[in-house]
PDB file of N, CA and C in Angstrom:
ATOM      1  N   MET A   1       2.886  -3.996  41.886  1.00  0.00           N
ATOM      2  CA  MET A   1       3.524  -4.182  43.054  1.00  0.00           C
ATOM      3  C   MET A   1       3.850  -5.438  43.082  1.00  0.00           C
ATOM      4  N   ASN A   2       3.266  -6.305  42.520  1.00  0.00           N
ATOM      5  CA  ASN A   2       3.331  -7.779  42.480  1.00  0.00           C
ATOM      6  C   ASN A   2       4.819  -7.802  41.444  1.00  0.00           C
ATOM      7  N   LEU A   3       5.086  -7.334  40.555  1.00  0.00           N
ATOM      8  CA  LEU A   3       6.207  -6.885  39.800  1.00  0.00           C
ATOM      9  C   LEU A   3       6.909  -6.789  40.253  1.00  0.00           C
ATOM     10  N   LEU A   4       7.127  -5.983  41.223  1.00  0.00           N
ATOM     11  CA  LEU A   4       8.505  -5.488  41.998  1.00  0.00           C
ATOM     12  C   LEU A   4       8.804  -6.334  42.899  1.00  0.00           C
ATOM     13  N   LEU A   5       7.842  -7.021  43.426  1.00  0.00           N
ATOM     14  CA  LEU A   5       8.470  -8.210  44.477  1.00  0.00           C
ATOM     15  C   LEU A   5       8.637  -9.087  43.772  1.00  0.00           C
ATOM     16  N   SER A   6       8.427  -9.850  42.555  1.00  0.00           N
ATOM     17  CA  SER A   6       8.696 -10.706  41.637  1.00  0.00           C
ATOM     18  C   SER A   6       9.863 -10.373  41.308  1.00  0.00           C
ATOM     19  N   ILE A   7      10.473  -9.351  40.857  1.00  0.00           N
ATOM     20  CA  ILE A   7      11.725  -9.253  40.788  1.00  0.00           C
ATOM     21  C   ILE A   7      12.747  -8.815  41.859  1.00  0.00           C
ATOM     22  N   THR A   8      11.914  -8.605  42.993  1.00  0.00           N
ATOM     23  CA  THR A   8      13.293  -8.621  44.096  1.00  0.00           C
ATOM     24  C   THR A   8      13.556 -10.284  44.678  1.00  0.00           C
ATOM     25  N   VAL A   9      12.229 -10.958  44.768  1.00  0.00           N
ATOM     26  CA  VAL A   9      12.627 -12.336  45.013  1.00  0.00           C
ATOM     27  C   VAL A   9      13.431 -12.943  43.771  1.00  0.00           C
ATOM     28  N   GLY A  10      13.998 -12.627  42.562  1.00  0.00           N
ATOM     29  CA  GLY A  10      14.589 -13.319  41.618  1.00  0.00           C
ATOM     30  C   GLY A  10      15.819 -13.041  42.079  1.00  0.00           C
ATOM     31  N   VAL A  11      15.857 -11.485  42.205  1.00  0.00           N
ATOM     32  CA  VAL A  11      17.560 -11.161  42.794  1.00  0.00           C
ATOM     33  C   VAL A  11      17.311 -11.220  43.901  1.00  0.00           C
ATOM     34  N   LEU A  12      16.937 -12.348  45.311  1.00  0.00           N
ATOM     35  CA  LEU A  12      17.322 -12.526  46.432  1.00  0.00           C
ATOM     36  C   LEU A  12      17.831 -13.524  45.903  1.00  0.00           C
ATOM     37  N   PHE A  13      17.113 -14.764  45.097  1.00  0.00           N
ATOM     38  CA  PHE A  13      17.681 -16.077  44.987  1.00  0.00           C
ATOM     39  C   PHE A  13      19.244 -16.085  44.188  1.00  0.00           C
ATOM     40  N   ALA A  14      19.110 -15.203  43.110  1.00  0.00           N
ATOM     41  CA  ALA A  14      20.087 -15.106  42.612  1.00  0.00           C
ATOM     42  C   ALA A  14      21.327 -14.542  43.355  1.00  0.00           C
ATOM     43  N   ALA A  15      20.985 -13.837  44.386  1.00  0.00           N
ATOM     44  CA  ALA A  15      22.463 -13.255  44.958  1.00  0.00           C
ATOM     45  C   ALA A  15      22.813 -14.483  45.655  1.00  0.00           C
ATOM     46  N   SER A  16      21.728 -15.119  46.649  1.00  0.00           N
ATOM     47  CA  SER A  16      22.140 -16.245  47.457  1.00  0.00           C
ATOM     48  C   SER A  16      22.869 -17.328  46.958  1.00  0.00           C
ATOM     49  N   ILE A  17      22.447 -17.785  45.553  1.00  0.00           N
ATOM     50  CA  ILE A  17      23.126 -18.624  44.899  1.00  0.00           C
ATOM     51  C   ILE A  17      24.418 -17.958  44.710  1.00  0.00           C
ATOM     52  N   TYR A  18      24.707 -16.949  44.180  1.00  0.00           N
ATOM     53  CA  TYR A  18      25.961 -16.549  43.958  1.00  0.00           C
ATOM     54  C   TYR A  18      27.174 -16.493  45.128  1.00  0.00           C
ATOM     55  N   MET A  19      26.012 -16.192  46.656  1.00  0.00           N
ATOM     56  CA  MET A  19      26.852 -16.233  47.560  1.00  0.00           C
ATOM     57  C   MET A  19      27.426 -17.618  48.101  1.00  0.00           C
ATOM     58  N   ILE A  20      26.240 -18.544  48.159  1.00  0.00           N
ATOM     59  CA  ILE A  20      26.471 -19.694  48.168  1.00  0.00           C
ATOM     60  C   ILE A  20      27.821 -20.356  47.529  1.00  0.00           C
ATOM     61  N   LEU A  21      27.714 -20.365  46.341  1.00  0.00           N
ATOM     62  CA  LEU A  21      29.028 -21.079  45.795  1.00  0.00           C
ATOM     63  C   LEU A  21      30.507 -20.589  45.849  1.00  0.00           C
ATOM     64  N   ARG A  22      30.248 -19.178  46.896  1.00  0.00           N
ATOM     65  CA  ARG A  22      31.242 -18.340  46.521  1.00  0.00           C
ATOM     66  C   ARG A  22      32.605 -19.595  48.018  1.00  0.00           C
ATOM     67  N   ARG A  23      33.821 -19.507  48.064  1.00  0.00           N
ATOM     68  CA  ARG A  23      34.767 -20.644  49.027  1.00  0.00           C
ATOM     69  C   ARG A  23      34.484 -19.917  50.487  1.00  0.00           C
ATOM     70  N   SER A  24      34.188 -19.100  50.860  1.00  0.00           N
ATOM     71  CA  SER A  24      33.760 -18.568  52.473  1.00  0.00           C
ATOM     72  C   SER A  24      33.093 -18.963  52.914  1.00  0.00           C
ATOM     73  N   VAL A  25      33.031 -19.530  54.322  1.00  0.00           N
ATOM     74  CA  VAL A  25      32.046 -20.049  55.270  1.00  0.00           C
ATOM     75  C   VAL A  25      30.935 -18.840  55.195  1.00  0.00           C
ATOM     76  N   VAL A  26      31.809 -17.341  55.455  1.00  0.00           N
ATOM     77  CA  VAL A  26      31.348 -16.673  56.449  1.00  0.00           C
ATOM     78  C   VAL A  26      29.993 -16.161  54.798  1.00  0.00           C
ATOM     79  N   LYS A  27      30.629 -15.955  53.771  1.00  0.00           N
ATOM     80  CA  LYS A  27      29.746 -15.692  52.965  1.00  0.00           C
ATOM     81  C   LYS A  27      28.459 -16.644  52.085  1.00  0.00           C
ATOM     82  N   LEU A  28      29.029 -18.176  53.055  1.00  0.00           N
ATOM     83  CA  LEU A  28      27.613 -19.213  52.512  1.00  0.00           C
ATOM     84  C   LEU A  28      26.669 -18.745  53.728  1.00  0.00           C
ATOM     85  N   ILE A  29      26.993 -18.597  54.661  1.00  0.00           N
ATOM     86  CA  ILE A  29      26.077 -17.991  55.479  1.00  0.00           C
ATOM     87  C   ILE A  29      25.499 -16.714  55.500  1.00  0.00           C
ATOM     88  N   ILE A  30      25.899 -15.946  54.681  1.00  0.00           N
ATOM     89  CA  ILE A  30      24.892 -14.891  53.966  1.00  0.00           C
ATOM     90  C   ILE A  30      24.069 -15.424  52.911  1.00  0.00           C
ATOM     91  N   GLY A  31      24.794 -16.586  52.187  1.00  0.00           N
ATOM     92  CA  GLY A  31      23.905 -16.300  51.244  1.00  0.00           C
ATOM     93  C   GLY A  31      22.681 -17.840  51.618  1.00  0.00           C
ATOM     94  N   LEU A  32      22.716 -18.054  52.865  1.00  0.00           N
ATOM     95  CA  LEU A  32      21.861 -18.715  53.496  1.00  0.00           C
ATOM     96  C   LEU A  32      20.593 -17.955  53.728  1.00  0.00           C
ATOM     97  N   VAL A  33      21.163 -16.675  54.281  1.00  0.00           N
ATOM     98  CA  VAL A  33      20.279 -15.672  54.652  1.00  0.00           C
ATOM     99  C   VAL A  33      19.363 -15.023  54.080  1.00  0.00           C
ATOM    100  N   LEU A  34      19.997 -14.926  52.885  1.00  0.00           N
ATOM    101  CA  LEU A  34      19.420 -14.441  51.891  1.00  0.00           C
ATOM    102  C   LEU A  34      18.647 -15.150  50.817  1.00  0.00           C
ATOM    103  N   LEU A  35      18.882 -16.448  50.566  1.00  0.00           N
ATOM    104  CA  LEU A  35      18.017 -17.433  50.335  1.00  0.00           C
ATOM    105  C   LEU A  35      16.692 -17.564  51.284  1.00  0.00           C
ATOM    106  N   GLY A  36      16.995 -17.637  52.575  1.00  0.00           N
ATOM    107  CA  GLY A  36      15.676 -17.218  53.554  1.00  0.00           C
ATOM    108  C   GLY A  36      14.566 -16.558  53.409  1.00  0.00           C
ATOM    109  N   HIS A  37      15.202 -15.369  53.101  1.00  0.00           N
ATOM    110  CA  HIS A  37      14.490 -14.137  53.112  1.00  0.00           C
ATOM    111  C   HIS A  37      13.550 -14.456  51.873  1.00  0.00           C
ATOM    112  N   GLY A  38      14.763 -15.003  50.881  1.00  0.00           N
ATOM    113  CA  GLY A  38      13.952 -15.321  49.126  1.00  0.00           C
ATOM    114  C   GLY A  38      12.620 -15.790  49.554  1.00  0.00           C
ATOM    115  N   ALA A  39      12.654 -16.728  50.113  1.00  0.00           N
ATOM    116  CA  ALA A  39      12.069 -18.304  50.237  1.00  0.00           C
ATOM    117  C   ALA A  39      10.458 -17.423  50.782  1.00  0.00           C
ATOM    118  N   ASN A  40      10.474 -16.045  52.243  1.00  0.00           N
ATOM    119  CA  ASN A  40       9.967 -16.076  52.825  1.00  0.00           C
ATOM    120  C   ASN A  40       9.041 -15.185  51.840  1.00  0.00           C
ATOM    121  N   LEU A  41       9.680 -14.432  51.273  1.00  0.00           N
ATOM    122  CA  LEU A  41       8.897 -13.499  50.363  1.00  0.00           C
ATOM    123  C   LEU A  41       8.159 -13.917  49.450  1.00  0.00           C
ATOM    124  N   LEU A  42       8.943 -15.002  48.955  1.00  0.00           N
ATOM    125  CA  LEU A  42       7.797 -15.818  47.709  1.00  0.00           C
ATOM    126  C   LEU A  42       6.656 -16.639  48.330  1.00  0.00           C
ATOM    127  N   ILE A  43       6.956 -17.089  49.424  1.00  0.00           N
ATOM    128  CA  ILE A  43       5.336 -17.693  50.144  1.00  0.00           C
ATOM    129  C   ILE A  43       4.562 -16.359  50.150  1.00  0.00           C
ATOM    130  N   PHE A  44       5.192 -14.722  50.757  1.00  0.00           N
ATOM    131  CA  PHE A  44       4.169 -14.466  50.831  1.00  0.00           C
ATOM    132  C   PHE A  44       3.970 -13.456  49.929  1.00  0.00           C
ATOM    133  N   LEU A  45       4.293 -13.780  48.567  1.00  0.00           N
ATOM    134  CA  LEU A  45       3.680 -13.175  47.450  1.00  0.00           C
ATOM    135  C   LEU A  45       2.942 -14.219  46.820  1.00  0.00           C
ATOM    136  N   SER A  46       3.170 -15.542  47.418  1.00  0.00           N
ATOM    137  CA  SER A  46       1.930 -16.455  46.264  1.00  0.00           C
ATOM    138  C   SER A  46       0.525 -16.560  46.598  1.00  0.00           C
ATOM    139  N   SER A  47       0.383 -15.561  48.477  1.00  0.00           N
ATOM    140  CA  SER A  47      -0.553 -15.991  49.122  1.00  0.00           C
ATOM    141  C   SER A  47      -1.930 -15.010  48.306  1.00  0.00           C
ATOM    142  N   GLY A  48      -0.934 -14.549  47.667  1.00  0.00           N
ATOM    143  CA  GLY A  48      -1.707 -12.736  47.555  1.00  0.00           C
ATOM    144  C   GLY A  48      -1.775 -11.769  48.351  1.00  0.00           C
ATOM    145  N   LEU A  49      -1.748 -10.523  47.607  1.00  0.00           N
ATOM    146  CA  LEU A  49      -1.357  -9.341  48.131  1.00  0.00           C
ATOM    147  C   LEU A  49      -3.147  -8.695  48.870  1.00  0.00           C
ATOM    148  N   VAL A  50      -3.591  -8.814  49.918  1.00  0.00           N
ATOM    149  CA  VAL A  50      -4.817  -7.789  50.110  1.00  0.00           C
ATOM    150  C   VAL A  50      -4.310  -6.973  51.211  1.00  0.00           C
ATOM    151  N   ARG A  51      -4.598  -5.653  50.910  1.00  0.00           N
ATOM    152  CA  ARG A  51      -4.515  -4.621  52.025  1.00  0.00           C
ATOM    153  C   ARG A  51      -5.405  -4.279  52.621  1.00  0.00           C
ATOM    154  N   GLY A  52      -5.546  -3.750  54.050  1.00  0.00           N
ATOM    155  CA  GLY A  52      -6.785  -3.711  54.659  1.00  0.00           C
ATOM    156  C   GLY A  52      -7.770  -4.395  55.160  1.00  0.00           C
ATOM    157  N   ARG A  53      -7.496  -5.698  54.811  1.00  0.00           N
ATOM    158  CA  ARG A  53      -8.658  -6.919  54.995  1.00  0.00           C
ATOM    159  C   ARG A  53      -7.819  -7.771  56.220  1.00  0.00           C
ATOM    160  N   PRO A  54      -8.198  -7.548  57.468  1.00  0.00           N
ATOM    161  CA  PRO A  54      -7.732  -8.964  58.154  1.00  0.00           C
ATOM    162  C   PRO A  54      -8.604 -10.057  58.111  1.00  0.00           C
ATOM    163  N   PRO A  55      -8.165 -11.140  58.067  1.00  0.00           N
ATOM    164  CA  PRO A  55      -8.946 -12.429  58.784  1.00  0.00           C
ATOM    165  C   PRO A  55     -10.139 -12.411  60.057  1.00  0.00           C
ATOM    166  N   LEU A  56     -10.943 -11.692  60.112  1.00  0.00           N
ATOM    167  CA  LEU A  56     -11.480 -11.514  61.236  1.00  0.00           C
ATOM    168  C   LEU A  56     -13.293 -11.503  60.963  1.00  0.00           C
ATOM    169  N   VAL A  57     -13.954 -12.557  61.416  1.00  0.00           N
ATOM    170  CA  VAL A  57     -14.921 -12.785  61.281  1.00  0.00           C
ATOM    171  C   VAL A  57     -15.933 -11.523  61.856  1.00  0.00           C
ATOM    172  N   PRO A  58     -16.537 -10.603  61.280  1.00  0.00           N
ATOM    173  CA  PRO A  58     -17.598  -9.560  62.282  1.00  0.00           C
ATOM    174  C   PRO A  58     -18.399 -10.714  63.085  1.00  0.00           C
ATOM    175  N   MET A  59     -18.846  -9.717  63.988  1.00  0.00           N
ATOM    176  CA  MET A  59     -20.012 -10.302  64.734  1.00  0.00           C
ATOM    177  C   MET A  59     -21.054 -10.634  64.146  1.00  0.00           C
ATOM    178  N   GLY A  60     -21.808 -11.511  64.572  1.00  0.00           N
ATOM    179  CA  GLY A  60     -23.568 -12.265  64.007  1.00  0.00           C
ATOM    180  C   GLY A  60     -22.406 -12.574  62.687  1.00  0.00           C
ATOM    181  N   GLU A  61     -21.514 -12.769  61.836  1.00  0.00           N
ATOM    182  CA  GLU A  61     -21.722 -13.633  60.508  1.00  0.00           C
ATOM    183  C   GLU A  61     -21.031 -15.236  60.909  1.00  0.00           C
ATOM    184  N   SER A  62     -21.209 -15.988  60.163  1.00  0.00           N
ATOM    185  CA  SER A  62     -20.526 -17.286  59.815  1.00  0.00           C
ATOM    186  C   SER A  62     -19.421 -17.329  59.295  1.00  0.00           C
ATOM    187  N   ARG A  63     -18.793 -16.351  58.229  1.00  0.00           N
ATOM    188  CA  ARG A  63     -18.112 -16.083  57.737  1.00  0.00           C
ATOM    189  C   ARG A  63     -17.478 -14.925  56.787  1.00  0.00           C
ATOM    190  N   LEU A  64     -16.611 -15.103  56.388  1.00  0.00           N
ATOM    191  CA  LEU A  64     -16.242 -13.852  55.964  1.00  0.00           C
ATOM    192  C   LEU A  64     -16.841 -14.119  54.185  1.00  0.00           C
ATOM    193  N   GLU A  65     -16.871 -12.405  54.016  1.00  0.00           N
ATOM    194  CA  GLU A  65     -16.965 -11.788  52.629  1.00  0.00           C
ATOM    195  C   GLU A  65     -16.316 -11.543  51.787  1.00  0.00           C
ATOM    196  N   GLY A  66     -15.978 -11.703  50.570  1.00  0.00           N
ATOM    197  CA  GLY A  66     -15.087 -10.662  49.533  1.00  0.00           C
ATOM    198  C   GLY A  66     -14.127 -11.466  50.110  1.00  0.00           C
ATOM    199  N   GLU A  67     -12.816 -10.322  49.620  1.00  0.00           N
ATOM    200  CA  GLU A  67     -11.583 -10.537  49.670  1.00  0.00           C
ATOM    201  C   GLU A  67     -10.771 -10.567  51.641  1.00  0.00           C
ATOM    202  N   TYR A  68     -10.278 -11.217  51.521  1.00  0.00           N
ATOM    203  CA  TYR A  68      -9.465 -10.837  52.658  1.00  0.00           C
ATOM    204  C   TYR A  68      -7.991 -11.545  52.996  1.00  0.00           C
ATOM    205  N   SER A  69      -7.502 -11.288  53.839  1.00  0.00           N
ATOM    206  CA  SER A  69      -6.267 -12.067  53.714  1.00  0.00           C
ATOM    207  C   SER A  69      -5.918 -13.079  54.639  1.00  0.00           C
ATOM    208  N   ASP A  70      -5.031 -13.905  53.604  1.00  0.00           N
ATOM    209  CA  ASP A  70      -5.118 -15.554  54.287  1.00  0.00           C
ATOM    210  C   ASP A  70      -4.203 -15.303  56.012  1.00  0.00           C
ATOM    211  N   PRO A  71      -4.741 -16.012  56.827  1.00  0.00           N
ATOM    212  CA  PRO A  71      -3.322 -16.135  57.699  1.00  0.00           C
ATOM    213  C   PRO A  71      -2.605 -17.029  58.125  1.00  0.00           C
ATOM    214  N   LEU A  72      -2.429 -18.169  57.219  1.00  0.00           N
ATOM    215  CA  LEU A  72      -1.303 -19.467  57.217  1.00  0.00           C
ATOM    216  C   LEU A  72      -0.224 -18.719  56.182  1.00  0.00           C
ATOM    217  N   PRO A  73      -0.089 -18.037  55.524  1.00  0.00           N
ATOM    218  CA  PRO A  73       1.377 -17.579  54.908  1.00  0.00           C
ATOM    219  C   PRO A  73       2.000 -17.151  55.779  1.00  0.00           C
ATOM    220  N   ALA A  74       0.930 -16.034  56.637  1.00  0.00           N
ATOM    221  CA  ALA A  74       1.773 -15.144  57.533  1.00  0.00           C
ATOM    222  C   ALA A  74       2.315 -16.407  58.625  1.00  0.00           C
ATOM    223  N   ALA A  75       1.430 -17.264  58.850  1.00  0.00           N
ATOM    224  CA  ALA A  75       2.219 -18.167  60.038  1.00  0.00           C
ATOM    225  C   ALA A  75       3.494 -19.030  59.720  1.00  0.00           C
ATOM    226  N   LEU A  76       3.201 -19.277  58.289  1.00  0.00           N
ATOM    227  CA  LEU A  76       4.059 -20.087  57.922  1.00  0.00           C
ATOM    228  C   LEU A  76       5.546 -19.063  57.873  1.00  0.00           C
ATOM    229  N   ILE A  77       5.671 -18.048  57.275  1.00  0.00           N
ATOM    230  CA  ILE A  77       6.463 -17.049  57.549  1.00  0.00           C
ATOM    231  C   ILE A  77       7.379 -16.838  58.683  1.00  0.00           C
ATOM    232  N   LEU A  78       6.371 -16.701  59.776  1.00  0.00           N
ATOM    233  CA  LEU A  78       6.911 -16.409  61.191  1.00  0.00           C
ATOM    234  C   LEU A  78       7.449 -17.363  61.847  1.00  0.00           C
ATOM    235  N   THR A  79       7.308 -18.524  61.365  1.00  0.00           N
ATOM    236  CA  THR A  79       7.874 -19.832  62.087  1.00  0.00           C
ATOM    237  C   THR A  79       8.675 -19.949  61.259  1.00  0.00           C
ATOM    238  N   ALA A  80       9.030 -19.988  59.911  1.00  0.00           N
ATOM    239  CA  ALA A  80      10.234 -19.916  59.201  1.00  0.00           C
ATOM    240  C   ALA A  80      11.128 -19.130  59.740  1.00  0.00           C
ATOM    241  N   ILE A  81      10.560 -17.605  60.296  1.00  0.00           N
ATOM    242  CA  ILE A  81      11.898 -16.641  60.594  1.00  0.00           C
ATOM    243  C   ILE A  81      12.464 -17.313  61.954  1.00  0.00           C
ATOM    244  N   VAL A  82      11.728 -17.799  62.465  1.00  0.00           N
ATOM    245  CA  VAL A  82      12.243 -18.292  63.880  1.00  0.00           C
ATOM    246  C   VAL A  82      13.349 -19.518  63.743  1.00  0.00           C
ATOM    247  N   ILE A  83      13.022 -20.333  63.013  1.00  0.00           N
ATOM    248  CA  ILE A  83      13.470 -21.525  63.023  1.00  0.00           C
ATOM    249  C   ILE A  83      15.124 -20.895  62.050  1.00  0.00           C
ATOM    250  N   SER A  84      15.319 -19.918  60.852  1.00  0.00           N
ATOM    251  CA  SER A  84      16.176 -19.596  60.360  1.00  0.00           C
ATOM    252  C   SER A  84      16.912 -18.880  61.150  1.00  0.00           C
ATOM    253  N   PHE A  85      16.550 -18.005  62.047  1.00  0.00           N
ATOM    254  CA  PHE A  85      17.388 -17.435  63.124  1.00  0.00           C
ATOM    255  C   PHE A  85      18.537 -18.537  63.962  1.00  0.00           C
ATOM    256  N   GLY A  86      17.730 -19.709  64.681  1.00  0.00           N
ATOM    257  CA  GLY A  86      18.139 -20.232  65.110  1.00  0.00           C
ATOM    258  C   GLY A  86      19.644 -21.473  64.292  1.00  0.00           C
ATOM    259  N   ILE A  87      19.168 -21.367  63.051  1.00  0.00           N
ATOM    260  CA  ILE A  87      20.096 -22.448  62.217  1.00  0.00           C
ATOM    261  C   ILE A  87      21.404 -21.032  62.258  1.00  0.00           C
ATOM    262  N   VAL A  88      21.025 -20.022  62.055  1.00  0.00           N
ATOM    263  CA  VAL A  88      22.286 -19.166  61.348  1.00  0.00           C
ATOM    264  C   VAL A  88      23.132 -18.857  62.543  1.00  0.00           C
ATOM    265  N   SER A  89      22.058 -18.003  63.880  1.00  0.00           N
ATOM    266  CA  SER A  89      23.110 -18.737  64.690  1.00  0.00           C
ATOM    267  C   SER A  89      23.967 -19.408  65.235  1.00  0.00           C
ATOM    268  N   PHE A  90      23.418 -20.838  64.877  1.00  0.00           N
ATOM    269  CA  PHE A  90      24.409 -21.907  65.093  1.00  0.00           C
ATOM    270  C   PHE A  90      25.492 -22.097  64.136  1.00  0.00           C
ATOM    271  N   ALA A  91      25.361 -21.327  62.944  1.00  0.00           N
ATOM    272  CA  ALA A  91      25.854 -21.526  61.762  1.00  0.00           C
ATOM    273  C   ALA A  91      27.279 -20.531  62.204  1.00  0.00           C
ATOM    274  N   ALA A  92      27.075 -19.854  62.729  1.00  0.00           N
ATOM    275  CA  ALA A  92      27.456 -18.501  62.619  1.00  0.00           C
ATOM    276  C   ALA A  92      28.536 -19.053  63.808  1.00  0.00           C
ATOM    277  N   VAL A  93      28.434 -19.393  65.415  1.00  0.00           N
ATOM    278  CA  VAL A  93      29.027 -19.927  66.507  1.00  0.00           C
ATOM    279  C   VAL A  93      30.114 -21.280  66.201  1.00  0.00           C
ATOM    280  N   LEU A  94      29.397 -22.202  64.676  1.00  0.00           N
ATOM    281  CA  LEU A  94      30.450 -23.077  64.461  1.00  0.00           C
ATOM    282  C   LEU A  94      31.369 -22.742  63.567  1.00  0.00           C
ATOM    283  N   VAL A  95      31.330 -21.222  62.516  1.00  0.00           N
ATOM    284  CA  VAL A  95      32.098 -20.713  61.876  1.00  0.00           C
ATOM    285  C   VAL A  95      32.908 -20.294  62.945  1.00  0.00           C
ATOM    286  N   LYS A  96      32.840 -19.499  63.431  1.00  0.00           N
ATOM    287  CA  LYS A  96      34.149 -18.537  64.754  1.00  0.00           C
ATOM    288  C   LYS A  96      34.681 -19.818  65.599  1.00  0.00           C
ATOM    289  N   ARG A  97      34.195 -20.857  65.596  1.00  0.00           N
ATOM    290  CA  ARG A  97      34.815 -21.999  66.005  1.00  0.00           C
ATOM    291  C   ARG A  97      35.798 -22.947  65.191  1.00  0.00           C
ATOM    292  N   ALA A  98      35.732 -22.567  64.182  1.00  0.00           N
ATOM    293  CA  ALA A  98      36.057 -23.173  63.235  1.00  0.00           C
ATOM    294  C   ALA A  98      37.252 -22.361  62.892  1.00  0.00           C
ATOM    295  N   TYR A  99      36.714 -21.290  62.818  1.00  0.00           N
ATOM    296  CA  TYR A  99      37.595 -20.141  62.623  1.00  0.00           C
ATOM    297  C   TYR A  99      39.606 -19.925  63.329  1.00  0.00           C
ATOM    298  N   GLN A 100      38.704 -20.585  64.555  1.00  0.00           N
ATOM    299  CA  GLN A 100      39.536 -20.418  65.365  1.00  0.00           C
ATOM    300  C   GLN A 100      40.408 -21.578  65.820  1.00  0.00           C
ATOM    301  N   GLU A 101      40.018 -22.523  65.504  1.00  0.00           N
ATOM    302  CA  GLU A 101      41.200 -24.028  65.342  1.00  0.00           C
ATOM    303  C   GLU A 101      41.842 -23.957  64.083  1.00  0.00           C
ATOM    304  N   VAL A 102      41.100 -23.776  62.775  1.00  0.00           N
ATOM    305  CA  VAL A 102      42.010 -23.649  61.265  1.00  0.00           C
ATOM    306  C   VAL A 102      42.806 -22.203  61.421  1.00  0.00           C
ATOM    307  N   GLY A 103      42.370 -20.644  61.277  1.00  0.00           N
ATOM    308  CA  GLY A 103      42.731 -19.993  61.375  1.00  0.00           C
ATOM    309  C   GLY A 103      42.034 -19.155  59.664  1.00  0.00           C
ATOM    310  N   THR A 104      41.396 -19.745  59.258  1.00  0.00           N
ATOM    311  CA  THR A 104      40.787 -19.422  57.732  1.00  0.00           C
ATOM    312  C   THR A 104      39.434 -19.563  57.430  1.00  0.00           C
ATOM    313  N   ASP A 105      38.658 -19.020  57.243  1.00  0.00           N
ATOM    314  CA  ASP A 105      37.318 -18.818  56.551  1.00  0.00           C
ATOM    315  C   ASP A 105      37.401 -19.813  54.955  1.00  0.00           C
ATOM    316  N   ASP A 106      38.195 -20.276  54.553  1.00  0.00           N
ATOM    317  CA  ASP A 106      38.586 -20.935  53.065  1.00  0.00           C
ATOM    318  C   ASP A 106      37.899 -22.056  53.070  1.00  0.00           C
ATOM    319  N   LEU A 107      37.233 -22.469  52.066  1.00  0.00           N
ATOM    320  CA  LEU A 107      36.711 -23.861  52.517  1.00  0.00           C
ATOM    321  C   LEU A 107      37.585 -25.241  51.765  1.00  0.00           C
ATOM    322  N   ASP A 108      38.618 -24.571  51.099  1.00  0.00           N
ATOM    323  CA  ASP A 108      39.680 -25.559  50.015  1.00  0.00           C
ATOM    324  C   ASP A 108      40.839 -25.581  51.390  1.00  0.00           C
ATOM    325  N   GLU A 109      41.387 -24.327  52.140  1.00  0.00           N
ATOM    326  CA  GLU A 109      42.093 -24.375  53.216  1.00  0.00           C
ATOM    327  C   GLU A 109      41.771 -25.876  54.461  1.00  0.00           C
ATOM    328  N   MET A 110      40.529 -25.463  54.539  1.00  0.00           N
ATOM    329  CA  MET A 110      39.741 -26.238  55.632  1.00  0.00           C
ATOM    330  C   MET A 110      39.985 -27.857  55.358  1.00  0.00           C
ATOM    331  N   LYS A 111      40.150 -27.470  54.126  1.00  0.00           N
ATOM    332  CA  LYS A 111      40.108 -29.096  53.784  1.00  0.00           C
ATOM    333  C   LYS A 111      41.104 -29.906  53.724  1.00  0.00           C
ATOM    334  N   ASN A 112      42.268 -29.143  53.591  1.00  0.00           N
ATOM    335  CA  ASN A 112      43.272 -29.186  53.737  1.00  0.00           C
ATOM    336  C   ASN A 112      43.936 -29.914  55.541  1.00  0.00           C
ATOM    337  N   THR A 113      43.259 -29.085  56.113  1.00  0.00           N
ATOM    338  CA  THR A 113      43.431 -29.597  57.781  1.00  0.00           C
ATOM    339  C   THR A 113      43.264 -31.052  58.118  1.00  0.00           C
ATOM    340  N   ASP A 114      42.415 -31.768  57.455  1.00  0.00           N
ATOM    341  CA  ASP A 114      41.326 -33.448  57.393  1.00  0.00           C
ATOM    342  C   ASP A 114      42.908 -34.267  57.389  1.00  0.00           C
ATOM    343  N   ARG A 115      42.612 -35.088  58.400  1.00  0.00           N
ATOM    344  CA  ARG A 115      43.717 -36.228  58.570  1.00  0.00           C
ATOM    345  C   ARG A 115      43.439 -37.362  58.537  1.00  0.00           C
TER     346      ARG A 115
END
C-alpha cells in the first residue's frame, strides 16, 4: 500500500510540474491543484498508515497503548485543503477576468499587452 501511494505522490508531483511549466494560465492553475493534492498525500503518507485505530483514549486510561493514528497530519491536511480551495477559486476568478480583458490565456501573449 505504501509503495502504491508513494508512486501516486511521484506521479502527482511530476504531472503538476509539467502543467505548471506550460504556457496556459488555466494549465498553471490545474498544476497548482495537482501540486496541492500531491503535498497533502505526502503529508498523509509520511504520518504512517494505521487502519481502525482512532486516537481516542479509553475511559479509565491515562494514555494510548500500541499503534494509533496521529490526528495532527489529518488536521494539517484539512487546513491545507481549505486554504488551497480559497487560492484556487481566487486564481480562477483572476484568470477569467484577465481572459476577458486580453482575450487569451497564453502567458506570452499576455506579456505583449504590457505598456
